[in-house]
Amino acid sequence: MGKAALYDQDFLKWTQQQAEYLRKGCWADLDGENLLEELEALGRSEERELASYLQVLRMHMLKCQYQPERRTKSWNHTLSNC
């Protein structure tokens, strides 16, 4: 089975195979094209997640400052993670 075929058919198995190749230093066996694509996608996903969390944090901080009487468990949870 080719490098790209496994990527398309069984993503979990592909990731495990790529990790094993990296551990063993089998650079020629890596599916470089798909591996780069996944790393870039992971970075973009993490960036979006952080931006979203910071937006929620800002909103909860503002709400706590300007509407303290309406404070909720959700706000407390967000703020306790700081």
PDB file of N, CA and C in Angstrom:
ATOM      1  N   MET A   1       0.858  -1.179   0.000  1.00  0.00           N
ATOM      2  CA  MET A   1       0.000   0.000   0.000  1.00  0.00           C
ATOM      3  C   MET A   1       0.900   1.237   0.000  1.00  0.00           C
ATOM      4  N   GLY A   2       0.597   2.191  -0.876  1.00  0.00           N
ATOM      5  CA  GLY A   2       1.397   3.402  -0.996  1.00  0.00           C
ATOM      6  C   GLY A   2       1.207   4.332   0.189  1.00  0.00           C
ATOM      7  N   LYS A   3       2.119   5.286   0.290  1.00  0.00           N
ATOM      8  CA  LYS A   3       2.088   6.237   1.401  1.00  0.00           C
ATOM      9  C   LYS A   3       0.777   6.993   1.457  1.00  0.00           C
ATOM     10  N   ALA A   4       0.363   7.537   0.326  1.00  0.00           N
ATOM     11  CA  ALA A   4      -0.860   8.344   0.287  1.00  0.00           C
ATOM     12  C   ALA A   4      -2.100   7.467   0.440  1.00  0.00           C
ATOM     13  N   ALA A   5      -2.044   6.232  -0.028  1.00  0.00           N
ATOM     14  CA  ALA A   5      -3.212   5.349   0.056  1.00  0.00           C
ATOM     15  C   ALA A   5      -3.572   5.071   1.508  1.00  0.00           C
ATOM     16  N   LEU A   6      -2.592   4.785   2.340  1.00  0.00           N
ATOM     17  CA  LEU A   6      -2.873   4.529   3.757  1.00  0.00           C
ATOM     18  C   LEU A   6      -3.435   5.784   4.415  1.00  0.00           C
ATOM     19  N   TYR A   7      -2.889   6.931   4.072  1.00  0.00           N
ATOM     20  CA  TYR A   7      -3.377   8.212   4.598  1.00  0.00           C
ATOM     21  C   TYR A   7      -4.865   8.377   4.280  1.00  0.00           C
ATOM     22  N   ASP A   8      -5.265   8.035   3.081  1.00  0.00           N
ATOM     23  CA  ASP A   8      -6.662   8.189   2.655  1.00  0.00           C
ATOM     24  C   ASP A   8      -7.581   7.119   3.230  1.00  0.00           C
ATOM     25  N   GLN A   9      -7.050   5.922   3.502  1.00  0.00           N
ATOM     26  CA  GLN A   9      -7.893   4.812   3.917  1.00  0.00           C
ATOM     27  C   GLN A   9      -7.981   4.630   5.431  1.00  0.00           C
ATOM     28  N   ASP A  10      -6.903   4.874   6.144  1.00  0.00           N
ATOM     29  CA  ASP A  10      -6.887   4.630   7.596  1.00  0.00           C
ATOM     30  C   ASP A  10      -5.972   5.661   8.256  1.00  0.00           C
ATOM     31  N   PHE A  11      -6.545   6.822   8.569  1.00  0.00           N
ATOM     32  CA  PHE A  11      -5.758   7.940   9.076  1.00  0.00           C
ATOM     33  C   PHE A  11      -5.043   7.589  10.378  1.00  0.00           C
ATOM     34  N   LEU A  12      -5.724   6.910  11.303  1.00  0.00           N
ATOM     35  CA  LEU A  12      -5.098   6.540  12.568  1.00  0.00           C
ATOM     36  C   LEU A  12      -3.884   5.654  12.340  1.00  0.00           C
ATOM     37  N   LYS A  13      -4.043   4.651  11.512  1.00  0.00           N
ATOM     38  CA  LYS A  13      -2.918   3.755  11.217  1.00  0.00           C
ATOM     39  C   LYS A  13      -1.784   4.539  10.553  1.00  0.00           C
ATOM     40  N   TRP A  14      -2.131   5.463   9.671  1.00  0.00           N
ATOM     41  CA  TRP A  14      -1.120   6.294   9.015  1.00  0.00           C
ATOM     42  C   TRP A  14      -0.330   7.106  10.040  1.00  0.00           C
ATOM     43  N   THR A  15      -1.038   7.735  11.005  1.00  0.00           N
ATOM     44  CA  THR A  15      -0.335   8.538  12.009  1.00  0.00           C
ATOM     45  C   THR A  15       0.597   7.670  12.851  1.00  0.00           C
ATOM     46  N   GLN A  16       0.149   6.482  13.206  1.00  0.00           N
ATOM     47  CA  GLN A  16       0.986   5.581  13.995  1.00  0.00           C
ATOM     48  C   GLN A  16       2.210   5.140  13.206  1.00  0.00           C
ATOM     49  N   GLN A  17       2.012   4.887  11.928  1.00  0.00           N
ATOM     50  CA  GLN A  17       3.120   4.491  11.066  1.00  0.00           C
ATOM     51  C   GLN A  17       4.131   5.627  10.932  1.00  0.00           C
ATOM     52  N   GLN A  18       3.652   6.840  10.745  1.00  0.00           N
ATOM     53  CA  GLN A  18       4.549   7.987  10.606  1.00  0.00           C
ATOM     54  C   GLN A  18       5.337   8.212  11.891  1.00  0.00           C
ATOM     55  N   ALA A  19       4.682   8.070  13.036  1.00  0.00           N
ATOM     56  CA  ALA A  19       5.373   8.212  14.326  1.00  0.00           C
ATOM     57  C   ALA A  19       6.465   7.160  14.464  1.00  0.00           C
ATOM     58  N   GLU A  20       6.173   5.950  14.067  1.00  0.00           N
ATOM     59  CA  GLU A  20       7.169   4.868  14.154  1.00  0.00           C
ATOM     60  C   GLU A  20       8.359   5.153  13.237  1.00  0.00           C
ATOM     61  N   TYR A  21       8.092   5.620  12.025  1.00  0.00           N
ATOM     62  CA  TYR A  21       9.177   5.977  11.107  1.00  0.00           C
ATOM     63  C   TYR A  21      10.045   7.079  11.710  1.00  0.00           C
ATOM     64  N   LEU A  22       9.427   8.054  12.345  1.00  0.00           N
ATOM     65  CA  LEU A  22      10.186   9.137  12.970  1.00  0.00           C
ATOM     66  C   LEU A  22      11.047   8.606  14.108  1.00  0.00           C
ATOM     67  N   ARG A  23      10.462   7.736  14.951  1.00  0.00           N
ATOM     68  CA  ARG A  23      11.222   7.160  16.069  1.00  0.00           C
ATOM     69  C   ARG A  23      12.457   6.397  15.585  1.00  0.00           C
ATOM     70  N   LYS A  24      12.280   5.668  14.499  1.00  0.00           N
ATOM     71  CA  LYS A  24      13.364   4.824  13.982  1.00  0.00           C
ATOM     72  C   LYS A  24      14.313   5.591  13.064  1.00  0.00           C
ATOM     73  N   GLY A  25      13.946   6.829  12.722  1.00  0.00           N
ATOM     74  CA  GLY A  25      14.795   7.595  11.813  1.00  0.00           C
ATOM     75  C   GLY A  25      14.705   7.132  10.373  1.00  0.00           C
ATOM     76  N   CYS A  26      13.586   6.558  10.005  1.00  0.00           N
ATOM     77  CA  CYS A  26      13.380   6.074   8.632  1.00  0.00           C
ATOM     78  C   CYS A  26      12.838   7.213   7.764  1.00  0.00           C
ATOM     79  N   TRP A  27      13.683   8.182   7.512  1.00  0.00           N
ATOM     80  CA  TRP A  27      13.250   9.412   6.844  1.00  0.00           C
ATOM     81  C   TRP A  27      12.701   9.166   5.445  1.00  0.00           C
ATOM     82  N   ALA A  28      13.280   8.250   4.715  1.00  0.00           N
ATOM     83  CA  ALA A  28      12.853   7.990   3.337  1.00  0.00           C
ATOM     84  C   ALA A  28      11.458   7.378   3.286  1.00  0.00           C
ATOM     85  N   ASP A  29      11.037   6.724   4.361  1.00  0.00           N
ATOM     86  CA  ASP A  29       9.728   6.072   4.375  1.00  0.00           C
ATOM     87  C   ASP A  29       8.586   7.019   4.740  1.00  0.00           C
ATOM     88  N   LEU A  30       8.921   8.202   5.250  1.00  0.00           N
ATOM     89  CA  LEU A  30       7.880   9.160   5.665  1.00  0.00           C
ATOM     90  C   LEU A  30       7.060   9.646   4.479  1.00  0.00           C
ATOM     91  N   ASP A  31       5.799   9.889   4.738  1.00  0.00           N
ATOM     92  CA  ASP A  31       4.883  10.493   3.762  1.00  0.00           C
ATOM     93  C   ASP A  31       4.976  12.002   3.958  1.00  0.00           C
ATOM     94  N   GLY A  32       6.049  12.577   3.442  1.00  0.00           N
ATOM     95  CA  GLY A  32       6.379  13.976   3.691  1.00  0.00           C
ATOM     96  C   GLY A  32       5.280  14.959   3.322  1.00  0.00           C
ATOM     97  N   GLU A  33       4.677  14.787   2.175  1.00  0.00           N
ATOM     98  CA  GLU A  33       3.651  15.727   1.714  1.00  0.00           C
ATOM     99  C   GLU A  33       2.467  15.786   2.676  1.00  0.00           C
ATOM    100  N   ASN A  34       1.928  14.629   3.026  1.00  0.00           N
ATOM    101  CA  ASN A  34       0.780  14.599   3.939  1.00  0.00           C
ATOM    102  C   ASN A  34       1.178  14.955   5.362  1.00  0.00           C
ATOM    103  N   LEU A  35       2.380  14.589   5.763  1.00  0.00           N
ATOM    104  CA  LEU A  35       2.864  14.911   7.102  1.00  0.00           C
ATOM    105  C   LEU A  35       2.973  16.430   7.272  1.00  0.00           C
ATOM    106  N   LEU A  36       3.530  17.108   6.290  1.00  0.00           N
ATOM    107  CA  LEU A  36       3.619  18.574   6.341  1.00  0.00           C
ATOM    108  C   LEU A  36       2.236  19.216   6.383  1.00  0.00           C
ATOM    109  N   GLU A  37       1.331  18.689   5.568  1.00  0.00           N
ATOM    110  CA  GLU A  37      -0.034  19.226   5.540  1.00  0.00           C
ATOM    111  C   GLU A  37      -0.707  19.094   6.907  1.00  0.00           C
ATOM    112  N   GLU A  38      -0.531  17.944   7.557  1.00  0.00           N
ATOM    113  CA  GLU A  38      -1.142  17.720   8.871  1.00  0.00           C
ATOM    114  C   GLU A  38      -0.517  18.611   9.939  1.00  0.00           C
ATOM    115  N   LEU A  39       0.785  18.800   9.899  1.00  0.00           N
ATOM    116  CA  LEU A  39       1.441  19.678  10.870  1.00  0.00           C
ATOM    117  C   LEU A  39       0.967  21.119  10.722  1.00  0.00           C
ATOM    118  N   GLU A  40       0.846  21.582   9.489  1.00  0.00           N
ATOM    119  CA  GLU A  40       0.358  22.943   9.259  1.00  0.00           C
ATOM    120  C   GLU A  40      -1.088  23.090   9.738  1.00  0.00           C
ATOM    121  N   ALA A  41      -1.917  22.089   9.466  1.00  0.00           N
ATOM    122  CA  ALA A  41      -3.311  22.123   9.901  1.00  0.00           C
ATOM    123  C   ALA A  41      -3.406  22.124  11.425  1.00  0.00           C
ATOM    124  N   LEU A  42      -2.544  21.362  12.080  1.00  0.00           N
ATOM    125  CA  LEU A  42      -2.526  21.312  13.539  1.00  0.00           C
ATOM    126  C   LEU A  42      -2.186  22.686  14.113  1.00  0.00           C
ATOM    127  N   GLY A  43      -1.211  23.331  13.522  1.00  0.00           N
ATOM    128  CA  GLY A  43      -0.830  24.670  13.975  1.00  0.00           C
ATOM    129  C   GLY A  43      -1.968  25.667  13.823  1.00  0.00           C
ATOM    130  N   ARG A  44      -2.657  25.625  12.686  1.00  0.00           N
ATOM    131  CA  ARG A  44      -3.793  26.530  12.462  1.00  0.00           C
ATOM    132  C   ARG A  44      -4.917  26.250  13.448  1.00  0.00           C
ATOM    133  N   SER A  45      -5.168  24.986  13.723  1.00  0.00           N
ATOM    134  CA  SER A  45      -6.220  24.603  14.662  1.00  0.00           C
ATOM    135  C   SER A  45      -5.915  25.110  16.065  1.00  0.00           C
ATOM    136  N   GLU A  46      -4.677  24.941  16.502  1.00  0.00           N
ATOM    137  CA  GLU A  46      -4.273  25.411  17.833  1.00  0.00           C
ATOM    138  C   GLU A  46      -4.411  26.928  17.925  1.00  0.00           C
ATOM    139  N   GLU A  47      -4.048  27.617  16.873  1.00  0.00           N
ATOM    140  CA  GLU A  47      -4.141  29.082  16.855  1.00  0.00           C
ATOM    141  C   GLU A  47      -5.597  29.530  16.971  1.00  0.00           C
ATOM    142  N   ARG A  48      -6.494  28.875  16.226  1.00  0.00           N
ATOM    143  CA  ARG A  48      -7.926  29.205  16.296  1.00  0.00           C
ATOM    144  C   ARG A  48      -8.485  28.918  17.691  1.00  0.00           C
ATOM    145  N   GLU A  49      -8.085  27.797  18.280  1.00  0.00           N
ATOM    146  CA  GLU A  49      -8.562  27.431  19.616  1.00  0.00           C
ATOM    147  C   GLU A  49      -8.125  28.457  20.651  1.00  0.00           C
ATOM    148  N   LEU A  50      -6.894  28.898  20.575  1.00  0.00           N
ATOM    149  CA  LEU A  50      -6.393  29.901  21.504  1.00  0.00           C
ATOM    150  C   LEU A  50      -7.133  31.224  21.332  1.00  0.00           C
ATOM    151  N   ALA A  51      -7.334  31.650  20.100  1.00  0.00           N
ATOM    152  CA  ALA A  51      -8.047  32.900  19.836  1.00  0.00           C
ATOM    153  C   ALA A  51      -9.472  32.837  20.382  1.00  0.00           C
ATOM    154  N   SER A  52     -10.122  31.713  20.213  1.00  0.00           N
ATOM    155  CA  SER A  52     -11.479  31.535  20.711  1.00  0.00           C
ATOM    156  C   SER A  52     -11.510  31.598  22.232  1.00  0.00           C
ATOM    157  N   TYR A  53     -10.567  30.907  22.885  1.00  0.00           N
ATOM    158  CA  TYR A  53     -10.528  30.913  24.344  1.00  0.00           C
ATOM    159  C   TYR A  53     -10.267  32.324  24.876  1.00  0.00           C
ATOM    160  N   LEU A  54      -9.361  33.040  24.237  1.00  0.00           N
ATOM    161  CA  LEU A  54      -9.061  34.405  24.692  1.00  0.00           C
ATOM    162  C   LEU A  54     -10.268  35.323  24.537  1.00  0.00           C
ATOM    163  N   GLN A  55     -11.048  35.101  23.487  1.00  0.00           N
ATOM    164  CA  GLN A  55     -12.255  35.901  23.301  1.00  0.00           C
ATOM    165  C   GLN A  55     -13.263  35.627  24.422  1.00  0.00           C
ATOM    166  N   VAL A  56     -13.462  34.372  24.764  1.00  0.00           N
ATOM    167  CA  VAL A  56     -14.373  34.015  25.859  1.00  0.00           C
ATOM    168  C   VAL A  56     -13.853  34.588  27.176  1.00  0.00           C
ATOM    169  N   LEU A  57     -12.553  34.480  27.405  1.00  0.00           N
ATOM    170  CA  LEU A  57     -11.958  35.013  28.630  1.00  0.00           C
ATOM    171  C   LEU A  57     -12.193  36.521  28.742  1.00  0.00           C
ATOM    172  N   ARG A  58     -11.953  37.247  27.670  1.00  0.00           N
ATOM    173  CA  ARG A  58     -12.187  38.705  27.686  1.00  0.00           C
ATOM    174  C   ARG A  58     -13.648  39.021  27.989  1.00  0.00           C
ATOM    175  N   MET A  59     -14.548  38.298  27.361  1.00  0.00           N
ATOM    176  CA  MET A  59     -15.979  38.546  27.582  1.00  0.00           C
ATOM    177  C   MET A  59     -16.364  38.271  29.034  1.00  0.00           C
ATOM    178  N   HIS A  60     -15.882  37.192  29.591  1.00  0.00           N
ATOM    179  CA  HIS A  60     -16.223  36.861  30.976  1.00  0.00           C
ATOM    180  C   HIS A  60     -15.607  37.856  31.953  1.00  0.00           C
ATOM    181  N   MET A  61     -14.410  38.327  31.653  1.00  0.00           N
ATOM    182  CA  MET A  61     -13.798  39.346  32.516  1.00  0.00           C
ATOM    183  C   MET A  61     -14.611  40.643  32.479  1.00  0.00           C
ATOM    184  N   LEU A  62     -15.022  41.034  31.287  1.00  0.00           N
ATOM    185  CA  LEU A  62     -15.841  42.256  31.165  1.00  0.00           C
ATOM    186  C   LEU A  62     -17.185  42.090  31.863  1.00  0.00           C
ATOM    187  N   LYS A  63     -17.801  40.935  31.674  1.00  0.00           N
ATOM    188  CA  LYS A  63     -19.089  40.694  32.319  1.00  0.00           C
ATOM    189  C   LYS A  63     -18.958  40.726  33.842  1.00  0.00           C
ATOM    190  N   CYS A  64     -17.888  40.131  34.365  1.00  0.00           N
ATOM    191  CA  CYS A  64     -17.677  40.140  35.813  1.00  0.00           C
ATOM    192  C   CYS A  64     -17.464  41.566  36.324  1.00  0.00           C
ATOM    193  N   GLN A  65     -16.804  42.373  35.533  1.00  0.00           N
ATOM    194  CA  GLN A  65     -16.545  43.750  35.945  1.00  0.00           C
ATOM    195  C   GLN A  65     -17.812  44.601  35.895  1.00  0.00           C
ATOM    196  N   TYR A  66     -18.617  44.440  34.831  1.00  0.00           N
ATOM    197  CA  TYR A  66     -19.757  45.321  34.633  1.00  0.00           C
ATOM    198  C   TYR A  66     -21.106  44.724  35.039  1.00  0.00           C
ATOM    199  N   GLN A  67     -21.147  43.415  35.250  1.00  0.00           N
ATOM    200  CA  GLN A  67     -22.385  42.760  35.669  1.00  0.00           C
ATOM    201  C   GLN A  67     -22.091  41.738  36.777  1.00  0.00           C
ATOM    202  N   PRO A  68     -21.472  42.150  37.848  1.00  0.00           N
ATOM    203  CA  PRO A  68     -21.070  41.179  38.880  1.00  0.00           C
ATOM    204  C   PRO A  68     -22.248  40.430  39.495  1.00  0.00           C
ATOM    205  N   GLU A  69     -23.397  41.055  39.528  1.00  0.00           N
ATOM    206  CA  GLU A  69     -24.579  40.401  40.116  1.00  0.00           C
ATOM    207  C   GLU A  69     -25.075  39.238  39.265  1.00  0.00           C
ATOM    208  N   ARG A  70     -24.641  39.158  38.018  1.00  0.00           N
ATOM    209  CA  ARG A  70     -25.090  38.094  37.113  1.00  0.00           C
ATOM    210  C   ARG A  70     -24.019  37.013  36.920  1.00  0.00           C
ATOM    211  N   ARG A  71     -23.004  37.031  37.758  1.00  0.00           N
ATOM    212  CA  ARG A  71     -21.884  36.087  37.638  1.00  0.00           C
ATOM    213  C   ARG A  71     -22.398  34.650  37.681  1.00  0.00           C
ATOM    214  N   THR A  72     -21.855  33.812  36.784  1.00  0.00           N
ATOM    215  CA  THR A  72     -22.304  32.420  36.684  1.00  0.00           C
ATOM    216  C   THR A  72     -21.140  31.465  36.941  1.00  0.00           C
ATOM    217  N   LYS A  73     -21.481  30.179  37.079  1.00  0.00           N
ATOM    218  CA  LYS A  73     -20.461  29.143  37.247  1.00  0.00           C
ATOM    219  C   LYS A  73     -19.555  29.085  36.021  1.00  0.00           C
ATOM    220  N   SER A  74     -20.123  29.313  34.855  1.00  0.00           N
ATOM    221  CA  SER A  74     -19.345  29.301  33.631  1.00  0.00           C
ATOM    222  C   SER A  74     -18.275  30.377  33.653  1.00  0.00           C
ATOM    223  N   TRP A  75     -18.638  31.569  34.086  1.00  0.00           N
ATOM    224  CA  TRP A  75     -17.668  32.669  34.173  1.00  0.00           C
ATOM    225  C   TRP A  75     -16.575  32.302  35.167  1.00  0.00           C
ATOM    226  N   ASN A  76     -16.998  31.796  36.330  1.00  0.00           N
ATOM    227  CA  ASN A  76     -16.028  31.407  37.360  1.00  0.00           C
ATOM    228  C   ASN A  76     -15.061  30.342  36.827  1.00  0.00           C
ATOM    229  N   HIS A  77     -15.594  29.392  36.091  1.00  0.00           N
ATOM    230  CA  HIS A  77     -14.747  28.325  35.524  1.00  0.00           C
ATOM    231  C   HIS A  77     -13.716  28.917  34.569  1.00  0.00           C
ATOM    232  N   THR A  78     -14.159  29.777  33.672  1.00  0.00           N
ATOM    233  CA  THR A  78     -13.246  30.397  32.720  1.00  0.00           C
ATOM    234  C   THR A  78     -12.160  31.174  33.452  1.00  0.00           C
ATOM    235  N   LEU A  79     -12.549  31.970  34.433  1.00  0.00           N
ATOM    236  CA  LEU A  79     -11.599  32.816  35.141  1.00  0.00           C
ATOM    237  C   LEU A  79     -10.657  32.008  36.043  1.00  0.00           C
ATOM    238  N   SER A  80     -11.101  30.873  36.525  1.00  0.00           N
ATOM    239  CA  SER A  80     -10.248  30.067  37.401  1.00  0.00           C
ATOM    240  C   SER A  80      -9.160  29.346  36.611  1.00  0.00           C
ATOM    241  N   ASN A  81      -9.306  29.280  35.298  1.00  0.00           N
ATOM    242  CA  ASN A  81      -8.297  28.631  34.454  1.00  0.00           C
ATOM    243  C   ASN A  81      -7.146  29.557  34.096  1.00  0.00           C
ATOM    244  N   CYS A  82      -7.190  30.797  34.546  1.00  0.00           N
ATOM    245  CA  CYS A  82      -6.137  31.781  34.211  1.00  0.00           C
ATOM    246  C   CYS A  82      -4.865  31.485  34.973  1.00  0.00           C
TER     247      CYS A  82
END
